[in-house]
Each structure stands twice: as C-alpha cells, then as structure tokens.
N, C-alpha and C. Protein backbone atom coordinates (compact mmCIF):
# COMPACT_ATOMS: atom_id res chain seq x y z
N MET A 1 0.84 -1.18 0.00
CA MET A 1 0.00 0.00 0.00
C MET A 1 0.88 1.24 0.00
N LEU A 2 0.66 2.15 -0.92
CA LEU A 2 1.44 3.38 -1.01
C LEU A 2 0.92 4.41 -0.03
N THR A 3 1.81 5.14 0.57
CA THR A 3 1.40 6.23 1.44
C THR A 3 1.20 7.47 0.58
N THR A 4 0.59 8.50 1.16
CA THR A 4 0.39 9.75 0.44
C THR A 4 1.72 10.30 -0.05
N THR A 5 2.75 10.22 0.79
CA THR A 5 4.06 10.70 0.41
C THR A 5 4.59 9.94 -0.80
N ALA A 6 4.37 8.63 -0.82
CA ALA A 6 4.88 7.82 -1.93
C ALA A 6 4.19 8.16 -3.24
N ARG A 7 2.90 8.56 -3.20
CA ARG A 7 2.18 8.88 -4.43
C ARG A 7 2.38 10.32 -4.87
N THR A 8 2.90 11.15 -4.01
CA THR A 8 3.07 12.57 -4.30
C THR A 8 4.43 12.82 -4.93
N THR A 9 4.46 13.76 -5.86
CA THR A 9 5.75 14.19 -6.41
C THR A 9 6.34 15.20 -5.43
N ILE A 10 7.52 14.92 -4.95
CA ILE A 10 8.20 15.77 -3.98
C ILE A 10 9.00 16.83 -4.73
N ALA A 11 9.02 18.03 -4.20
CA ALA A 11 9.82 19.12 -4.77
C ALA A 11 10.62 19.76 -3.65
N SER A 12 11.87 20.02 -3.90
CA SER A 12 12.72 20.68 -2.92
C SER A 12 12.31 22.14 -2.80
N ALA A 13 12.30 22.64 -1.57
CA ALA A 13 11.94 24.03 -1.32
C ALA A 13 13.10 24.98 -1.61
N THR A 14 14.29 24.43 -1.78
CA THR A 14 15.47 25.26 -2.04
C THR A 14 16.05 24.92 -3.41
N PRO A 15 16.76 25.86 -4.01
CA PRO A 15 17.39 25.57 -5.31
C PRO A 15 18.41 24.43 -5.18
N PRO A 16 18.60 23.65 -6.23
CA PRO A 16 19.57 22.56 -6.18
C PRO A 16 20.98 23.08 -5.91
N SER A 17 21.69 22.36 -5.06
CA SER A 17 23.08 22.72 -4.81
C SER A 17 23.96 22.10 -5.90
N SER A 18 25.12 22.66 -6.06
CA SER A 18 26.08 22.10 -7.01
C SER A 18 26.66 20.82 -6.40
N PRO A 19 26.50 19.69 -7.07
CA PRO A 19 26.96 18.44 -6.46
C PRO A 19 28.48 18.33 -6.45
N ARG A 20 28.97 17.69 -5.42
CA ARG A 20 30.40 17.34 -5.36
C ARG A 20 30.50 16.02 -6.11
N LEU A 21 30.94 16.12 -7.34
CA LEU A 21 30.83 15.01 -8.28
C LEU A 21 32.08 14.94 -9.14
N VAL A 22 32.60 13.73 -9.32
CA VAL A 22 33.71 13.49 -10.24
C VAL A 22 33.27 12.36 -11.17
N LEU A 23 33.27 12.65 -12.47
CA LEU A 23 32.84 11.66 -13.45
C LEU A 23 34.01 11.20 -14.31
N THR A 24 33.90 9.99 -14.85
CA THR A 24 34.94 9.49 -15.74
C THR A 24 35.04 10.40 -16.95
N PRO A 25 36.25 10.66 -17.43
CA PRO A 25 36.40 11.51 -18.61
C PRO A 25 35.79 10.86 -19.85
N VAL A 26 35.88 9.55 -19.93
CA VAL A 26 35.33 8.78 -21.05
C VAL A 26 34.70 7.53 -20.46
N ARG A 27 33.50 7.23 -20.91
CA ARG A 27 32.82 6.03 -20.40
C ARG A 27 33.49 4.77 -20.93
N ASP A 28 33.72 3.83 -20.03
CA ASP A 28 34.31 2.54 -20.38
C ASP A 28 33.31 1.48 -19.94
N ARG A 29 32.78 0.74 -20.87
CA ARG A 29 31.74 -0.27 -20.57
C ARG A 29 32.24 -1.33 -19.59
N GLN A 30 33.55 -1.48 -19.45
CA GLN A 30 34.08 -2.48 -18.53
C GLN A 30 34.31 -1.91 -17.14
N ALA A 31 34.22 -0.60 -17.00
CA ALA A 31 34.40 0.02 -15.69
C ALA A 31 33.23 -0.35 -14.78
N VAL A 32 33.51 -0.50 -13.51
CA VAL A 32 32.48 -0.83 -12.53
C VAL A 32 31.65 0.41 -12.20
N LEU A 33 32.31 1.56 -12.14
CA LEU A 33 31.64 2.81 -11.76
C LEU A 33 31.89 3.89 -12.81
N ASP A 34 30.98 4.86 -12.85
CA ASP A 34 31.12 5.99 -13.77
C ASP A 34 31.60 7.25 -13.07
N GLY A 35 31.89 7.14 -11.78
CA GLY A 35 32.36 8.29 -11.03
C GLY A 35 31.96 8.19 -9.57
N GLY A 36 32.17 9.32 -8.88
CA GLY A 36 31.86 9.37 -7.46
C GLY A 36 31.10 10.63 -7.12
N TRP A 37 30.25 10.53 -6.12
CA TRP A 37 29.41 11.64 -5.66
C TRP A 37 29.51 11.72 -4.15
N TRP A 38 29.68 12.92 -3.64
CA TRP A 38 29.83 13.15 -2.21
C TRP A 38 28.72 14.09 -1.74
N PRO A 39 27.54 13.55 -1.40
CA PRO A 39 26.44 14.41 -0.95
C PRO A 39 26.78 15.09 0.37
N ARG A 40 26.12 16.20 0.65
CA ARG A 40 26.34 16.95 1.88
C ARG A 40 25.53 16.42 3.05
N SER A 41 24.51 15.60 2.74
CA SER A 41 23.65 15.03 3.78
C SER A 41 23.03 13.75 3.23
N TRP A 42 22.27 13.06 4.08
CA TRP A 42 21.53 11.88 3.65
C TRP A 42 20.09 12.25 3.30
N ASP A 43 19.81 13.53 3.05
CA ASP A 43 18.48 14.00 2.68
C ASP A 43 18.35 13.97 1.16
N PRO A 44 17.61 13.00 0.61
CA PRO A 44 17.54 12.89 -0.85
C PRO A 44 16.82 14.06 -1.52
N VAL A 45 15.91 14.71 -0.82
CA VAL A 45 15.20 15.86 -1.41
C VAL A 45 16.17 17.01 -1.62
N ALA A 46 17.10 17.18 -0.72
CA ALA A 46 18.09 18.25 -0.85
C ALA A 46 19.21 17.87 -1.81
N GLU A 47 19.59 16.62 -1.86
CA GLU A 47 20.79 16.20 -2.59
C GLU A 47 20.54 15.77 -4.04
N LEU A 48 19.45 15.09 -4.31
CA LEU A 48 19.24 14.52 -5.64
C LEU A 48 19.03 15.52 -6.77
N PRO A 49 18.31 16.65 -6.56
CA PRO A 49 18.10 17.55 -7.71
C PRO A 49 19.40 18.03 -8.37
N GLY A 50 20.37 18.46 -7.60
CA GLY A 50 21.64 18.91 -8.18
C GLY A 50 22.35 17.79 -8.92
N LEU A 51 22.33 16.59 -8.34
CA LEU A 51 22.95 15.44 -8.99
C LEU A 51 22.25 15.11 -10.30
N VAL A 52 20.93 15.06 -10.29
CA VAL A 52 20.17 14.74 -11.50
C VAL A 52 20.43 15.77 -12.60
N LEU A 53 20.45 17.04 -12.25
CA LEU A 53 20.71 18.08 -13.25
C LEU A 53 22.11 17.93 -13.85
N ALA A 54 23.10 17.66 -13.00
CA ALA A 54 24.48 17.50 -13.49
C ALA A 54 24.61 16.27 -14.39
N LEU A 55 23.99 15.17 -13.98
CA LEU A 55 24.06 13.96 -14.81
C LEU A 55 23.30 14.13 -16.12
N SER A 56 22.16 14.83 -16.07
CA SER A 56 21.38 15.08 -17.28
C SER A 56 22.16 15.92 -18.27
N ALA A 57 22.92 16.89 -17.78
CA ALA A 57 23.73 17.73 -18.66
C ALA A 57 24.81 16.91 -19.35
N ARG A 58 25.31 15.90 -18.68
CA ARG A 58 26.41 15.10 -19.22
C ARG A 58 25.95 13.91 -20.07
N TYR A 59 24.91 13.21 -19.59
CA TYR A 59 24.53 11.94 -20.21
C TYR A 59 23.18 11.95 -20.92
N GLY A 60 22.41 12.99 -20.75
CA GLY A 60 21.04 13.02 -21.26
C GLY A 60 20.07 12.97 -20.09
N THR A 61 18.84 13.34 -20.34
CA THR A 61 17.86 13.47 -19.27
C THR A 61 17.72 12.19 -18.44
N ILE A 62 17.84 12.36 -17.14
CA ILE A 62 17.71 11.23 -16.21
C ILE A 62 16.22 10.99 -15.96
N ARG A 63 15.80 9.74 -16.08
CA ARG A 63 14.39 9.40 -15.85
C ARG A 63 14.17 8.69 -14.53
N GLN A 64 15.22 8.00 -14.00
CA GLN A 64 15.06 7.24 -12.77
C GLN A 64 16.36 7.22 -11.99
N VAL A 65 16.23 7.22 -10.68
CA VAL A 65 17.36 7.07 -9.78
C VAL A 65 17.03 5.93 -8.82
N MET A 66 17.99 5.06 -8.58
CA MET A 66 17.79 3.95 -7.65
C MET A 66 18.79 4.07 -6.51
N LEU A 67 18.27 3.92 -5.29
CA LEU A 67 19.06 4.09 -4.08
C LEU A 67 18.79 2.95 -3.11
N ASN A 68 19.68 2.79 -2.14
CA ASN A 68 19.47 1.84 -1.07
C ASN A 68 18.31 2.33 -0.21
N ASN A 69 17.45 1.43 0.22
CA ASN A 69 16.26 1.84 0.95
C ASN A 69 16.48 2.11 2.44
N VAL A 70 17.69 1.91 2.94
CA VAL A 70 17.94 2.14 4.36
C VAL A 70 18.89 3.32 4.60
N ALA A 71 19.80 3.57 3.70
CA ALA A 71 20.86 4.55 3.92
C ALA A 71 20.37 6.00 3.95
N TRP A 72 19.26 6.30 3.30
CA TRP A 72 18.80 7.68 3.16
C TRP A 72 17.71 8.02 4.17
N ASP A 73 17.56 9.32 4.47
CA ASP A 73 16.65 9.78 5.52
C ASP A 73 15.17 9.60 5.18
N THR A 74 14.77 9.83 3.95
CA THR A 74 13.36 9.74 3.58
C THR A 74 13.22 8.98 2.27
N ARG A 75 11.99 8.54 2.00
CA ARG A 75 11.70 7.83 0.76
C ARG A 75 10.47 8.43 0.11
N PHE A 76 10.47 8.44 -1.20
CA PHE A 76 9.36 8.92 -2.01
C PHE A 76 9.53 8.31 -3.38
N SER A 77 8.53 8.41 -4.24
CA SER A 77 8.63 7.73 -5.53
C SER A 77 8.87 8.66 -6.71
N ARG A 78 8.61 9.97 -6.54
CA ARG A 78 8.83 10.91 -7.64
C ARG A 78 9.40 12.20 -7.07
N LEU A 79 10.32 12.79 -7.84
CA LEU A 79 10.98 14.02 -7.43
C LEU A 79 10.96 15.01 -8.59
N ALA A 80 10.44 16.21 -8.33
CA ALA A 80 10.47 17.27 -9.34
C ALA A 80 11.89 17.80 -9.45
N VAL A 81 12.41 17.80 -10.66
CA VAL A 81 13.76 18.32 -10.91
C VAL A 81 13.70 19.16 -12.18
N GLY A 82 14.01 20.45 -12.06
CA GLY A 82 13.92 21.33 -13.22
C GLY A 82 12.50 21.33 -13.74
N ASP A 83 12.34 21.08 -15.03
CA ASP A 83 11.01 21.06 -15.65
C ASP A 83 10.41 19.66 -15.70
N GLY A 84 11.09 18.69 -15.11
CA GLY A 84 10.61 17.31 -15.21
C GLY A 84 10.42 16.63 -13.87
N VAL A 85 10.09 15.36 -13.96
CA VAL A 85 9.90 14.52 -12.78
C VAL A 85 10.76 13.27 -12.96
N VAL A 86 11.49 12.93 -11.91
CA VAL A 86 12.35 11.75 -11.91
C VAL A 86 11.74 10.72 -10.97
N ARG A 87 11.65 9.50 -11.45
CA ARG A 87 11.17 8.41 -10.58
C ARG A 87 12.33 7.99 -9.68
N VAL A 88 12.00 7.68 -8.44
CA VAL A 88 13.02 7.27 -7.48
C VAL A 88 12.63 5.91 -6.93
N GLY A 89 13.54 4.96 -7.06
CA GLY A 89 13.31 3.60 -6.57
C GLY A 89 14.20 3.32 -5.37
N TRP A 90 13.64 2.63 -4.40
CA TRP A 90 14.34 2.31 -3.15
C TRP A 90 14.44 0.80 -3.04
N PHE A 91 15.67 0.27 -2.96
CA PHE A 91 15.86 -1.17 -3.00
C PHE A 91 16.87 -1.62 -1.96
N ALA A 92 16.56 -2.70 -1.27
CA ALA A 92 17.52 -3.30 -0.35
C ALA A 92 18.71 -3.87 -1.11
N SER A 93 18.48 -4.26 -2.36
CA SER A 93 19.54 -4.88 -3.16
C SER A 93 20.55 -3.88 -3.72
N VAL A 94 20.26 -2.59 -3.67
CA VAL A 94 21.22 -1.58 -4.14
C VAL A 94 22.22 -1.33 -3.02
N ASP A 95 23.48 -1.46 -3.35
CA ASP A 95 24.56 -1.21 -2.39
C ASP A 95 24.41 0.20 -1.81
N PRO A 96 24.49 0.37 -0.49
CA PRO A 96 24.39 1.71 0.10
C PRO A 96 25.47 2.67 -0.40
N ALA A 97 26.54 2.13 -0.95
CA ALA A 97 27.64 2.95 -1.45
C ALA A 97 27.47 3.30 -2.92
N VAL A 98 26.28 3.06 -3.49
CA VAL A 98 26.06 3.28 -4.91
C VAL A 98 24.72 3.99 -5.13
N VAL A 99 24.70 4.87 -6.13
CA VAL A 99 23.46 5.42 -6.67
C VAL A 99 23.47 5.06 -8.16
N ILE A 100 22.31 4.63 -8.66
CA ILE A 100 22.19 4.23 -10.06
C ILE A 100 21.19 5.17 -10.73
N ALA A 101 21.62 5.83 -11.79
CA ALA A 101 20.74 6.71 -12.55
C ALA A 101 20.57 6.13 -13.94
N THR A 102 19.37 6.26 -14.48
CA THR A 102 19.08 5.76 -15.82
C THR A 102 18.53 6.90 -16.67
N THR A 103 19.04 7.01 -17.89
CA THR A 103 18.57 8.06 -18.81
C THR A 103 17.38 7.55 -19.60
N TYR A 104 16.70 8.47 -20.29
CA TYR A 104 15.60 8.08 -21.17
C TYR A 104 16.11 7.23 -22.33
N ALA A 105 17.37 7.37 -22.69
CA ALA A 105 17.95 6.56 -23.76
C ALA A 105 18.31 5.16 -23.29
N GLY A 106 18.17 4.91 -21.99
CA GLY A 106 18.46 3.59 -21.45
C GLY A 106 19.87 3.42 -20.91
N ASP A 107 20.66 4.47 -20.93
CA ASP A 107 22.02 4.38 -20.38
C ASP A 107 21.96 4.39 -18.86
N GLN A 108 22.81 3.59 -18.26
CA GLN A 108 22.87 3.50 -16.80
C GLN A 108 24.17 4.14 -16.32
N VAL A 109 24.06 4.97 -15.30
CA VAL A 109 25.21 5.63 -14.70
C VAL A 109 25.29 5.18 -13.25
N ASP A 110 26.39 4.50 -12.90
CA ASP A 110 26.59 4.00 -11.54
C ASP A 110 27.64 4.85 -10.86
N LEU A 111 27.27 5.40 -9.72
CA LEU A 111 28.19 6.27 -8.99
C LEU A 111 28.45 5.76 -7.58
N LEU A 112 29.68 5.90 -7.16
CA LEU A 112 30.05 5.70 -5.76
C LEU A 112 29.39 6.80 -4.95
N VAL A 113 28.81 6.48 -3.80
CA VAL A 113 28.28 7.49 -2.88
C VAL A 113 29.21 7.55 -1.68
N VAL A 114 29.90 8.67 -1.55
CA VAL A 114 30.79 8.87 -0.41
C VAL A 114 29.95 9.45 0.73
N PRO A 115 29.95 8.86 1.90
CA PRO A 115 29.14 9.35 3.01
C PRO A 115 29.40 10.83 3.31
N PRO A 116 28.36 11.57 3.63
CA PRO A 116 28.46 13.02 3.81
C PRO A 116 29.54 13.49 4.80
N ARG A 117 29.70 12.83 5.91
CA ARG A 117 30.65 13.31 6.92
C ARG A 117 32.07 12.81 6.72
N THR A 118 32.36 12.33 5.55
CA THR A 118 33.70 11.84 5.24
C THR A 118 34.69 13.00 5.17
N ASP A 119 35.87 12.78 5.66
CA ASP A 119 36.98 13.74 5.57
C ASP A 119 37.19 14.11 4.10
N ALA A 120 37.43 15.38 3.84
CA ALA A 120 37.55 15.89 2.47
C ALA A 120 38.63 15.17 1.66
N ALA A 121 39.78 14.95 2.24
CA ALA A 121 40.85 14.29 1.50
C ALA A 121 40.46 12.85 1.13
N ALA A 122 39.84 12.14 2.07
CA ALA A 122 39.41 10.77 1.80
C ALA A 122 38.30 10.74 0.75
N ALA A 123 37.37 11.69 0.83
CA ALA A 123 36.27 11.76 -0.13
C ALA A 123 36.80 12.03 -1.54
N GLU A 124 37.70 12.98 -1.66
CA GLU A 124 38.27 13.31 -2.97
C GLU A 124 39.05 12.14 -3.56
N LYS A 125 39.77 11.44 -2.71
CA LYS A 125 40.53 10.27 -3.17
C LYS A 125 39.58 9.18 -3.65
N ALA A 126 38.52 8.92 -2.89
CA ALA A 126 37.56 7.89 -3.26
C ALA A 126 36.85 8.25 -4.57
N MET A 127 36.44 9.51 -4.71
CA MET A 127 35.76 9.92 -5.95
C MET A 127 36.69 9.83 -7.15
N ALA A 128 37.94 10.20 -6.97
CA ALA A 128 38.90 10.11 -8.06
C ALA A 128 39.11 8.66 -8.49
N GLU A 129 39.19 7.76 -7.52
CA GLU A 129 39.36 6.35 -7.87
C GLU A 129 38.12 5.83 -8.60
N ALA A 130 36.94 6.21 -8.13
CA ALA A 130 35.71 5.76 -8.77
C ALA A 130 35.59 6.29 -10.19
N ALA A 131 36.15 7.46 -10.46
CA ALA A 131 36.08 8.08 -11.79
C ALA A 131 37.19 7.63 -12.73
N ASP A 132 38.12 6.85 -12.23
CA ASP A 132 39.20 6.35 -13.08
C ASP A 132 38.67 5.18 -13.92
N PRO A 133 38.63 5.33 -15.26
CA PRO A 133 38.08 4.27 -16.10
C PRO A 133 38.79 2.93 -15.96
N ALA A 134 40.02 2.94 -15.47
CA ALA A 134 40.76 1.70 -15.31
C ALA A 134 40.41 0.97 -14.01
N THR A 135 39.71 1.62 -13.10
CA THR A 135 39.36 1.01 -11.83
C THR A 135 38.31 -0.07 -12.02
N ARG A 136 38.59 -1.23 -11.48
CA ARG A 136 37.64 -2.34 -11.53
C ARG A 136 37.16 -2.67 -10.11
N THR A 137 37.44 -1.78 -9.18
CA THR A 137 37.10 -1.98 -7.77
C THR A 137 35.66 -1.58 -7.51
N ARG A 138 34.95 -2.37 -6.73
CA ARG A 138 33.56 -2.08 -6.36
C ARG A 138 33.52 -0.97 -5.31
N ALA A 139 32.37 -0.30 -5.24
CA ALA A 139 32.20 0.87 -4.37
C ALA A 139 32.58 0.60 -2.92
N GLN A 140 32.05 -0.45 -2.33
CA GLN A 140 32.34 -0.74 -0.91
C GLN A 140 33.84 -0.93 -0.67
N HIS A 141 34.53 -1.53 -1.64
CA HIS A 141 35.97 -1.74 -1.48
C HIS A 141 36.75 -0.43 -1.60
N ILE A 142 36.27 0.47 -2.44
CA ILE A 142 36.92 1.78 -2.54
C ILE A 142 36.78 2.50 -1.20
N LEU A 143 35.59 2.47 -0.63
CA LEU A 143 35.37 3.16 0.64
C LEU A 143 36.12 2.50 1.80
N SER A 144 36.16 1.19 1.83
CA SER A 144 36.85 0.52 2.93
C SER A 144 38.36 0.70 2.85
N ALA A 145 38.89 1.01 1.67
CA ALA A 145 40.32 1.23 1.51
C ALA A 145 40.72 2.67 1.81
N SER A 146 39.72 3.56 1.94
CA SER A 146 40.00 4.98 2.20
C SER A 146 40.33 5.19 3.67
N PRO A 147 41.03 6.28 3.96
CA PRO A 147 41.31 6.61 5.35
C PRO A 147 40.01 6.86 6.10
N THR A 148 40.11 6.96 7.40
CA THR A 148 38.92 7.18 8.21
C THR A 148 38.50 8.64 8.21
N ALA A 149 37.25 8.83 8.49
CA ALA A 149 36.68 10.17 8.61
C ALA A 149 37.08 10.75 9.96
N PRO A 150 36.84 12.04 10.18
CA PRO A 150 37.17 12.63 11.48
C PRO A 150 36.49 11.86 12.60
N GLY A 151 37.17 11.77 13.72
CA GLY A 151 36.62 11.06 14.86
C GLY A 151 36.81 9.56 14.78
N GLY A 152 37.59 9.10 13.79
CA GLY A 152 37.90 7.68 13.68
C GLY A 152 36.81 6.84 13.03
N HIS A 153 35.76 7.44 12.52
CA HIS A 153 34.70 6.69 11.87
C HIS A 153 35.18 6.25 10.49
N THR A 154 34.87 5.04 10.13
CA THR A 154 35.28 4.60 8.80
C THR A 154 34.44 5.31 7.75
N VAL A 155 34.91 5.28 6.54
CA VAL A 155 34.26 5.99 5.45
C VAL A 155 33.14 5.16 4.84
N ARG A 156 32.85 4.02 5.37
CA ARG A 156 31.79 3.17 4.82
C ARG A 156 30.42 3.79 5.08
N PRO A 157 29.50 3.63 4.13
CA PRO A 157 28.14 4.14 4.36
C PRO A 157 27.51 3.38 5.53
N MET A 158 26.76 4.11 6.31
CA MET A 158 26.06 3.50 7.42
C MET A 158 24.66 3.15 6.93
N VAL A 159 24.23 1.91 7.12
CA VAL A 159 22.91 1.54 6.68
C VAL A 159 21.90 1.59 7.82
N SER A 160 22.34 1.71 9.03
CA SER A 160 21.41 1.92 10.14
C SER A 160 21.92 3.09 10.95
N ARG A 161 21.11 4.11 10.97
CA ARG A 161 21.53 5.32 11.68
C ARG A 161 20.58 5.63 12.79
C-alpha cells in the first residue's frame, strides 16, 4: 500500500546545490563505476536535484534514480527536478555505497556514494578512484580502503543510523 508521500511528487523548497561530483572523462563499458558523488547530507530531497541536473547535462535526461532503501533519511517515488519529474526507486539490493541513474535513452550511470561526513581528502581520493576508467574496484571496497573520517569513523556508508 502506497502512502500519500509515496504517491506525491516531492519538490525541494530550495534551489539545487552544485553536487560534489567526479565523473569518468570517457565512459568505459568495462568500468564498474562511472564516477563518485559526495552528498552533503543523507536528505535525498536536498541532494538529488543537483545530482540529477548534473548527470542530465552530461549523459542526457535522467528518468530514474535507484538508491538503497535504508541509507537515506526519507523515501518517495517521484521528485520534481527542473522542468521534469524523476522516478526514485528504493531497494535493499542496491549497495548503500552506490546510486544508479538511468537516462531516457536507457544508459545507466553507476556512482560511488561517499558518506556526507567523510573527511575531504578521503572523499576526494575515493571519488577520483571511482572516476578512473581503469578502476575495476567495487564501491564498498573503494570506501573501505580509504582513510577514516574525522573522529575515527570509517568511510563506509552507514545503513542503520
């Protein structure tokens, strides 16, 4: 049964922020990831519009975004972005360290999600590795290999907060 929130198209009350995003210079079909994204929070209403606009400018209009259903603060099924609406899917099977975007042309863009409170140097290193077309490392392994965040917390996404 869908809740009212799930059936409603959500719109952010604030303009989209510029995403902290590093993308591969050239897409390589054998690469595991297409880049890395470092959101400022786990609030998808605040974070996704800027990401969707940036990805749409690079790859073509984004029609759907898929996220882990536990890692983020809220869930909804549609998000107003610019002049359009993006469907948002929430799945236990999606790695918490990954966001998957799909264009109307059917192209899939897989991004490493660096946890918001990650130390800047560690986040930049992880995003750079994820954006390297030669990298064959999965998202969780990139994060687990990164230095720790301030306060000794590991850079791994937290699935229960």
